[in-house]
């Protein structure tokens, strides 16, 4: 759909709804295209679990935690 910016101002909320539904709306000034309204590609996509199965944590991942904690305590970042 093509629509002049001046006309789009009065219909902005409706144009946004149409873009969210997948319609591409081209805004024009003096008959020339200047911008497009489209749905955001990230809309509705949850990032939770998006990398599931793409990597594996090493079995020894927790090794060295005490040593790291001791280093923090020695640097006075952690009280204690």
PDB file of N, CA and C in Angstrom:
ATOM      1  N   UNK A   1       0.840  -1.171   0.000  1.00  0.00           N
ATOM      2  CA  UNK A   1       0.000   0.000   0.000  1.00  0.00           C
ATOM      3  C   UNK A   1       0.889   1.239   0.000  1.00  0.00           C
ATOM      4  N   UNK A   2       0.519   2.238  -0.760  1.00  0.00           N
ATOM      5  CA  UNK A   2       1.206   3.526  -0.780  1.00  0.00           C
ATOM      6  C   UNK A   2       0.268   4.591  -0.231  1.00  0.00           C
ATOM      7  N   UNK A   3       0.804   5.466   0.600  1.00  0.00           N
ATOM      8  CA  UNK A   3      -0.017   6.522   1.188  1.00  0.00           C
ATOM      9  C   UNK A   3       0.847   7.756   1.433  1.00  0.00           C
ATOM     10  N   UNK A   4       0.271   8.921   1.182  1.00  0.00           N
ATOM     11  CA  UNK A   4       0.980  10.181   1.401  1.00  0.00           C
ATOM     12  C   UNK A   4       1.147  10.414   2.906  1.00  0.00           C
ATOM     13  N   UNK A   5       2.274  10.995   3.276  1.00  0.00           N
ATOM     14  CA  UNK A   5       2.556  11.256   4.696  1.00  0.00           C
ATOM     15  C   UNK A   5       1.438  12.077   5.327  1.00  0.00           C
ATOM     16  N   UNK A   6       0.976  13.097   4.634  1.00  0.00           N
ATOM     17  CA  UNK A   6      -0.080  13.956   5.181  1.00  0.00           C
ATOM     18  C   UNK A   6      -1.334  13.145   5.505  1.00  0.00           C
ATOM     19  N   UNK A   7      -1.680  12.213   4.632  1.00  0.00           N
ATOM     20  CA  UNK A   7      -2.858  11.367   4.865  1.00  0.00           C
ATOM     21  C   UNK A   7      -2.568  10.329   5.963  1.00  0.00           C
ATOM     22  N   UNK A   8      -1.348   9.842   6.008  1.00  0.00           N
ATOM     23  CA  UNK A   8      -0.966   8.822   6.988  1.00  0.00           C
ATOM     24  C   UNK A   8      -1.062   9.336   8.414  1.00  0.00           C
ATOM     25  N   UNK A   9      -0.820  10.630   8.599  1.00  0.00           N
ATOM     26  CA  UNK A   9      -0.896  11.207   9.950  1.00  0.00           C
ATOM     27  C   UNK A   9      -2.257  10.939  10.590  1.00  0.00           C
ATOM     28  N   UNK A  10      -3.306  11.079   9.822  1.00  0.00           N
ATOM     29  CA  UNK A  10      -4.662  10.890  10.349  1.00  0.00           C
ATOM     30  C   UNK A  10      -5.000   9.422  10.562  1.00  0.00           C
ATOM     31  N   UNK A  11      -4.263   8.518   9.924  1.00  0.00           N
ATOM     32  CA  UNK A  11      -4.567   7.088  10.003  1.00  0.00           C
ATOM     33  C   UNK A  11      -3.451   6.290  10.674  1.00  0.00           C
ATOM     34  N   UNK A  12      -2.590   6.971  11.401  1.00  0.00           N
ATOM     35  CA  UNK A  12      -1.367   6.335  11.898  1.00  0.00           C
ATOM     36  C   UNK A  12      -1.632   5.057  12.694  1.00  0.00           C
ATOM     37  N   UNK A  13      -2.547   5.098  13.650  1.00  0.00           N
ATOM     38  CA  UNK A  13      -2.820   3.911  14.485  1.00  0.00           C
ATOM     39  C   UNK A  13      -3.280   2.739  13.619  1.00  0.00           C
ATOM     40  N   UNK A  14      -4.137   3.009  12.656  1.00  0.00           N
ATOM     41  CA  UNK A  14      -4.614   1.941  11.772  1.00  0.00           C
ATOM     42  C   UNK A  14      -3.478   1.404  10.904  1.00  0.00           C
ATOM     43  N   UNK A  15      -2.612   2.289  10.427  1.00  0.00           N
ATOM     44  CA  UNK A  15      -1.481   1.855   9.604  1.00  0.00           C
ATOM     45  C   UNK A  15      -0.526   0.971  10.406  1.00  0.00           C
ATOM     46  N   UNK A  16      -0.314   1.306  11.669  1.00  0.00           N
ATOM     47  CA  UNK A  16       0.540   0.479  12.529  1.00  0.00           C
ATOM     48  C   UNK A  16      -0.076  -0.905  12.694  1.00  0.00           C
ATOM     49  N   UNK A  17      -1.364  -0.968  12.943  1.00  0.00           N
ATOM     50  CA  UNK A  17      -2.044  -2.277  13.075  1.00  0.00           C
ATOM     51  C   UNK A  17      -1.890  -3.100  11.799  1.00  0.00           C
ATOM     52  N   UNK A  18      -2.027  -2.451  10.659  1.00  0.00           N
ATOM     53  CA  UNK A  18      -1.903  -3.160   9.380  1.00  0.00           C
ATOM     54  C   UNK A  18      -0.468  -3.658   9.176  1.00  0.00           C
ATOM     55  N   UNK A  19       0.508  -2.854   9.564  1.00  0.00           N
ATOM     56  CA  UNK A  19       1.905  -3.282   9.452  1.00  0.00           C
ATOM     57  C   UNK A  19       2.166  -4.466  10.374  1.00  0.00           C
ATOM     58  N   UNK A  20       1.628  -4.423  11.585  1.00  0.00           N
ATOM     59  CA  UNK A  20       1.784  -5.547  12.524  1.00  0.00           C
ATOM     60  C   UNK A  20       1.191  -6.828  11.945  1.00  0.00           C
ATOM     61  N   UNK A  21       0.145  -6.691  11.150  1.00  0.00           N
ATOM     62  CA  UNK A  21      -0.507  -7.856  10.543  1.00  0.00           C
ATOM     63  C   UNK A  21       0.248  -8.364   9.319  1.00  0.00           C
ATOM     64  N   UNK A  22       1.345  -7.674   8.950  1.00  0.00           N
ATOM     65  CA  UNK A  22       2.163  -8.162   7.858  1.00  0.00           C
ATOM     66  C   UNK A  22       2.122  -7.328   6.587  1.00  0.00           C
ATOM     67  N   UNK A  23       1.278  -6.327   6.553  1.00  0.00           N
ATOM     68  CA  UNK A  23       1.201  -5.486   5.352  1.00  0.00           C
ATOM     69  C   UNK A  23       2.364  -4.495   5.336  1.00  0.00           C
ATOM     70  N   UNK A  24       2.943  -4.280   4.175  1.00  0.00           N
ATOM     71  CA  UNK A  24       3.998  -3.280   4.034  1.00  0.00           C
ATOM     72  C   UNK A  24       3.369  -1.992   3.525  1.00  0.00           C
ATOM     73  N   UNK A  25       3.635  -0.901   4.230  1.00  0.00           N
ATOM     74  CA  UNK A  25       3.045   0.387   3.888  1.00  0.00           C
ATOM     75  C   UNK A  25       4.156   1.347   3.504  1.00  0.00           C
ATOM     76  N   UNK A  26       4.046   1.901   2.304  1.00  0.00           N
ATOM     77  CA  UNK A  26       5.053   2.830   1.804  1.00  0.00           C
ATOM     78  C   UNK A  26       4.518   4.256   1.955  1.00  0.00           C
ATOM     79  N   UNK A  27       5.280   5.091   2.640  1.00  0.00           N
ATOM     80  CA  UNK A  27       4.902   6.481   2.829  1.00  0.00           C
ATOM     81  C   UNK A  27       5.538   7.320   1.725  1.00  0.00           C
ATOM     82  N   UNK A  28       4.749   8.230   1.168  1.00  0.00           N
ATOM     83  CA  UNK A  28       5.244   9.045   0.065  1.00  0.00           C
ATOM     84  C   UNK A  28       5.155  10.532   0.408  1.00  0.00           C
ATOM     85  N   UNK A  29       6.041  11.294  -0.228  1.00  0.00           N
ATOM     86  CA  UNK A  29       6.008  12.757  -0.159  1.00  0.00           C
ATOM     87  C   UNK A  29       6.057  13.242  -1.602  1.00  0.00           C
ATOM     88  N   UNK A  30       5.055  14.004  -1.981  1.00  0.00           N
ATOM     89  CA  UNK A  30       4.945  14.492  -3.355  1.00  0.00           C
ATOM     90  C   UNK A  30       5.001  13.338  -4.364  1.00  0.00           C
ATOM     91  N   UNK A  31       4.393  12.214  -3.971  1.00  0.00           N
ATOM     92  CA  UNK A  31       4.307  11.056  -4.863  1.00  0.00           C
ATOM     93  C   UNK A  31       5.533  10.169  -4.901  1.00  0.00           C
ATOM     94  N   UNK A  32       6.590  10.566  -4.177  1.00  0.00           N
ATOM     95  CA  UNK A  32       7.820   9.755  -4.172  1.00  0.00           C
ATOM     96  C   UNK A  32       7.945   9.000  -2.850  1.00  0.00           C
ATOM     97  N   UNK A  33       8.322   7.716  -2.900  1.00  0.00           N
ATOM     98  CA  UNK A  33       8.478   6.934  -1.664  1.00  0.00           C
ATOM     99  C   UNK A  33       9.614   7.492  -0.801  1.00  0.00           C
ATOM    100  N   UNK A  34       9.345   7.632   0.508  1.00  0.00           N
ATOM    101  CA  UNK A  34      10.373   8.141   1.427  1.00  0.00           C
ATOM    102  C   UNK A  34      10.596   7.224   2.635  1.00  0.00           C
ATOM    103  N   UNK A  35       9.626   6.369   2.951  1.00  0.00           N
ATOM    104  CA  UNK A  35       9.773   5.492   4.120  1.00  0.00           C
ATOM    105  C   UNK A  35       8.808   4.316   3.992  1.00  0.00           C
ATOM    106  N   UNK A  36       9.079   3.266   4.812  1.00  0.00           N
ATOM    107  CA  UNK A  36       8.198   2.097   4.842  1.00  0.00           C
ATOM    108  C   UNK A  36       7.847   1.761   6.281  1.00  0.00           C
ATOM    109  N   UNK A  37       6.617   1.341   6.481  1.00  0.00           N
ATOM    110  CA  UNK A  37       6.192   0.780   7.764  1.00  0.00           C
ATOM    111  C   UNK A  37       6.079  -0.724   7.570  1.00  0.00           C
ATOM    112  N   UNK A  38       6.802  -1.470   8.395  1.00  0.00           N
ATOM    113  CA  UNK A  38       6.726  -2.933   8.359  1.00  0.00           C
ATOM    114  C   UNK A  38       6.748  -3.445   9.788  1.00  0.00           C
ATOM    115  N   UNK A  39       6.316  -4.662   9.978  1.00  0.00           N
ATOM    116  CA  UNK A  39       6.354  -5.274  11.300  1.00  0.00           C
ATOM    117  C   UNK A  39       7.808  -5.511  11.700  1.00  0.00           C
ATOM    118  N   UNK A  40       8.074  -5.377  12.962  1.00  0.00           N
ATOM    119  CA  UNK A  40       9.407  -5.652  13.471  1.00  0.00           C
ATOM    120  C   UNK A  40       9.682  -7.141  13.356  1.00  0.00           C
ATOM    121  N   UNK A  41      10.863  -7.534  12.855  1.00  0.00           N
ATOM    122  CA  UNK A  41      11.153  -8.964  12.703  1.00  0.00           C
ATOM    123  C   UNK A  41      11.229  -9.686  14.041  1.00  0.00           C
ATOM    124  N   UNK A  42      11.540  -8.963  15.111  1.00  0.00           N
ATOM    125  CA  UNK A  42      11.665  -9.600  16.418  1.00  0.00           C
ATOM    126  C   UNK A  42      10.320  -9.732  17.130  1.00  0.00           C
ATOM    127  N   UNK A  43       9.276  -9.169  16.573  1.00  0.00           N
ATOM    128  CA  UNK A  43       7.974  -9.151  17.239  1.00  0.00           C
ATOM    129  C   UNK A  43       7.477 -10.577  17.483  1.00  0.00           C
ATOM    130  N   UNK A  44       7.209 -10.885  18.734  1.00  0.00           N
ATOM    131  CA  UNK A  44       6.638 -12.174  19.090  1.00  0.00           C
ATOM    132  C   UNK A  44       7.632 -13.305  19.214  1.00  0.00           C
ATOM    133  N   UNK A  45       8.890 -13.064  18.904  1.00  0.00           N
ATOM    134  CA  UNK A  45       9.886 -14.112  19.021  1.00  0.00           C
ATOM    135  C   UNK A  45      10.510 -14.075  20.405  1.00  0.00           C
ATOM    136  N   UNK A  46      10.378 -15.139  21.139  1.00  0.00           N
ATOM    137  CA  UNK A  46      10.975 -15.230  22.459  1.00  0.00           C
ATOM    138  C   UNK A  46      12.410 -15.718  22.334  1.00  0.00           C
ATOM    139  N   UNK A  47      13.292 -15.127  23.115  1.00  0.00           N
ATOM    140  CA  UNK A  47      14.682 -15.562  23.105  1.00  0.00           C
ATOM    141  C   UNK A  47      14.934 -16.725  24.059  1.00  0.00           C
ATOM    142  N   UNK A  48      13.979 -17.018  24.913  1.00  0.00           N
ATOM    143  CA  UNK A  48      14.144 -18.108  25.870  1.00  0.00           C
ATOM    144  C   UNK A  48      14.193 -19.433  25.113  1.00  0.00           C
ATOM    145  N   UNK A  49      15.293 -20.126  25.269  1.00  0.00           N
ATOM    146  CA  UNK A  49      15.468 -21.425  24.632  1.00  0.00           C
ATOM    147  C   UNK A  49      15.877 -21.377  23.168  1.00  0.00           C
ATOM    148  N   UNK A  50      16.203 -20.197  22.657  1.00  0.00           N
ATOM    149  CA  UNK A  50      16.498 -20.089  21.220  1.00  0.00           C
ATOM    150  C   UNK A  50      17.791 -20.794  20.820  1.00  0.00           C
ATOM    151  N   UNK A  51      18.697 -21.046  21.765  1.00  0.00           N
ATOM    152  CA  UNK A  51      19.960 -21.713  21.431  1.00  0.00           C
ATOM    153  C   UNK A  51      19.992 -23.159  21.926  1.00  0.00           C
ATOM    154  N   UNK A  52      18.844 -23.674  22.318  1.00  0.00           N
ATOM    155  CA  UNK A  52      18.784 -25.036  22.842  1.00  0.00           C
ATOM    156  C   UNK A  52      19.359 -26.029  21.836  1.00  0.00           C
ATOM    157  N   UNK A  53      20.295 -26.839  22.331  1.00  0.00           N
ATOM    158  CA  UNK A  53      20.901 -27.867  21.503  1.00  0.00           C
ATOM    159  C   UNK A  53      22.029 -27.378  20.608  1.00  0.00           C
ATOM    160  N   UNK A  54      22.360 -26.106  20.654  1.00  0.00           N
ATOM    161  CA  UNK A  54      23.398 -25.578  19.779  1.00  0.00           C
ATOM    162  C   UNK A  54      24.791 -25.599  20.417  1.00  0.00           C
ATOM    163  N   UNK A  55      24.854 -25.799  21.720  1.00  0.00           N
ATOM    164  CA  UNK A  55      26.154 -25.916  22.370  1.00  0.00           C
ATOM    165  C   UNK A  55      26.000 -26.768  23.618  1.00  0.00           C
ATOM    166  N   UNK A  56      27.124 -27.228  24.139  1.00  0.00           N
ATOM    167  CA  UNK A  56      27.122 -28.086  25.321  1.00  0.00           C
ATOM    168  C   UNK A  56      28.112 -27.515  26.327  1.00  0.00           C
ATOM    169  N   UNK A  57      27.676 -27.383  27.563  1.00  0.00           N
ATOM    170  CA  UNK A  57      28.559 -26.898  28.617  1.00  0.00           C
ATOM    171  C   UNK A  57      29.495 -28.023  29.033  1.00  0.00           C
ATOM    172  N   UNK A  58      30.747 -27.705  29.304  1.00  0.00           N
ATOM    173  CA  UNK A  58      31.688 -28.748  29.722  1.00  0.00           C
ATOM    174  C   UNK A  58      31.330 -29.292  31.104  1.00  0.00           C
ATOM    175  N   UNK A  59      31.641 -30.566  31.331  1.00  0.00           N
ATOM    176  CA  UNK A  59      31.323 -31.204  32.605  1.00  0.00           C
ATOM    177  C   UNK A  59      32.063 -30.558  33.774  1.00  0.00           C
ATOM    178  N   UNK A  60      33.235 -29.988  33.519  1.00  0.00           N
ATOM    179  CA  UNK A  60      34.030 -29.401  34.596  1.00  0.00           C
ATOM    180  C   UNK A  60      33.811 -27.886  34.735  1.00  0.00           C
ATOM    181  N   UNK A  61      32.679 -27.403  34.267  1.00  0.00           N
ATOM    182  CA  UNK A  61      32.417 -25.969  34.269  1.00  0.00           C
ATOM    183  C   UNK A  61      32.490 -25.346  35.664  1.00  0.00           C
ATOM    184  N   UNK A  62      32.082 -26.077  36.690  1.00  0.00           N
ATOM    185  CA  UNK A  62      32.062 -25.531  38.046  1.00  0.00           C
ATOM    186  C   UNK A  62      33.407 -25.627  38.764  1.00  0.00           C
ATOM    187  N   UNK A  63      34.342 -26.330  38.182  1.00  0.00           N
ATOM    188  CA  UNK A  63      35.649 -26.452  38.827  1.00  0.00           C
ATOM    189  C   UNK A  63      36.338 -25.091  38.861  1.00  0.00           C
ATOM    190  N   UNK A  64      36.977 -24.794  39.986  1.00  0.00           N
ATOM    191  CA  UNK A  64      37.683 -23.528  40.114  1.00  0.00           C
ATOM    192  C   UNK A  64      36.854 -22.419  40.731  1.00  0.00           C
ATOM    193  N   UNK A  65      35.582 -22.692  41.049  1.00  0.00           N
ATOM    194  CA  UNK A  65      34.741 -21.658  41.645  1.00  0.00           C
ATOM    195  C   UNK A  65      35.308 -21.156  42.975  1.00  0.00           C
ATOM    196  N   UNK A  66      35.826 -22.058  43.798  1.00  0.00           N
ATOM    197  CA  UNK A  66      36.389 -21.643  45.083  1.00  0.00           C
ATOM    198  C   UNK A  66      37.604 -20.745  44.873  1.00  0.00           C
ATOM    199  N   UNK A  67      38.409 -21.086  43.888  1.00  0.00           N
ATOM    200  CA  UNK A  67      39.600 -20.281  43.595  1.00  0.00           C
ATOM    201  C   UNK A  67      39.186 -18.871  43.135  1.00  0.00           C
ATOM    202  N   UNK A  68      38.184 -18.775  42.306  1.00  0.00           N
ATOM    203  CA  UNK A  68      37.706 -17.470  41.830  1.00  0.00           C
ATOM    204  C   UNK A  68      37.145 -16.666  43.008  1.00  0.00           C
ATOM    205  N   UNK A  69      36.376 -17.316  43.875  1.00  0.00           N
ATOM    206  CA  UNK A  69      35.828 -16.629  45.042  1.00  0.00           C
ATOM    207  C   UNK A  69      36.944 -16.115  45.939  1.00  0.00           C
ATOM    208  N   UNK A  70      37.999 -16.904  46.131  1.00  0.00           N
ATOM    209  CA  UNK A  70      39.152 -16.462  46.939  1.00  0.00           C
ATOM    210  C   UNK A  70      39.812 -15.235  46.314  1.00  0.00           C
ATOM    211  N   UNK A  71      39.912 -15.212  44.992  1.00  0.00           N
ATOM    212  CA  UNK A  71      40.503 -14.058  44.313  1.00  0.00           C
ATOM    213  C   UNK A  71      39.665 -12.795  44.518  1.00  0.00           C
ATOM    214  N   UNK A  72      38.339 -12.937  44.464  1.00  0.00           N
ATOM    215  CA  UNK A  72      37.477 -11.786  44.729  1.00  0.00           C
ATOM    216  C   UNK A  72      37.637 -11.297  46.165  1.00  0.00           C
ATOM    217  N   UNK A  73      37.660 -12.237  47.113  1.00  0.00           N
ATOM    218  CA  UNK A  73      37.821 -11.841  48.519  1.00  0.00           C
ATOM    219  C   UNK A  73      39.152 -11.128  48.725  1.00  0.00           C
ATOM    220  N   UNK A  74      40.203 -11.604  48.092  1.00  0.00           N
ATOM    221  CA  UNK A  74      41.533 -10.995  48.243  1.00  0.00           C
ATOM    222  C   UNK A  74      41.555  -9.596  47.634  1.00  0.00           C
ATOM    223  N   UNK A  75      40.712  -9.334  46.653  1.00  0.00           N
ATOM    224  CA  UNK A  75      40.711  -8.013  46.009  1.00  0.00           C
ATOM    225  C   UNK A  75      39.773  -7.044  46.719  1.00  0.00           C
ATOM    226  N   UNK A  76      39.100  -7.522  47.769  1.00  0.00           N
ATOM    227  CA  UNK A  76      38.176  -6.728  48.594  1.00  0.00           C
ATOM    228  C   UNK A  76      36.896  -6.313  47.839  1.00  0.00           C
ATOM    229  N   UNK A  77      36.612  -6.986  46.747  1.00  0.00           N
ATOM    230  CA  UNK A  77      35.339  -6.724  46.051  1.00  0.00           C
ATOM    231  C   UNK A  77      34.203  -7.343  46.853  1.00  0.00           C
ATOM    232  N   UNK A  78      34.437  -8.526  47.406  1.00  0.00           N
ATOM    233  CA  UNK A  78      33.428  -9.164  48.245  1.00  0.00           C
ATOM    234  C   UNK A  78      33.832  -9.003  49.714  1.00  0.00           C
ATOM    235  N   UNK A  79      32.893  -8.669  50.553  1.00  0.00           N
ATOM    236  CA  UNK A  79      33.243  -8.596  51.991  1.00  0.00           C
ATOM    237  C   UNK A  79      33.511  -9.980  52.536  1.00  0.00           C
ATOM    238  N   UNK A  80      34.399 -10.033  53.518  1.00  0.00           N
ATOM    239  CA  UNK A  80      34.540 -11.318  54.142  1.00  0.00           C
ATOM    240  C   UNK A  80      35.900 -11.715  54.440  1.00  0.00           C
TER     241      UNK A  80
END
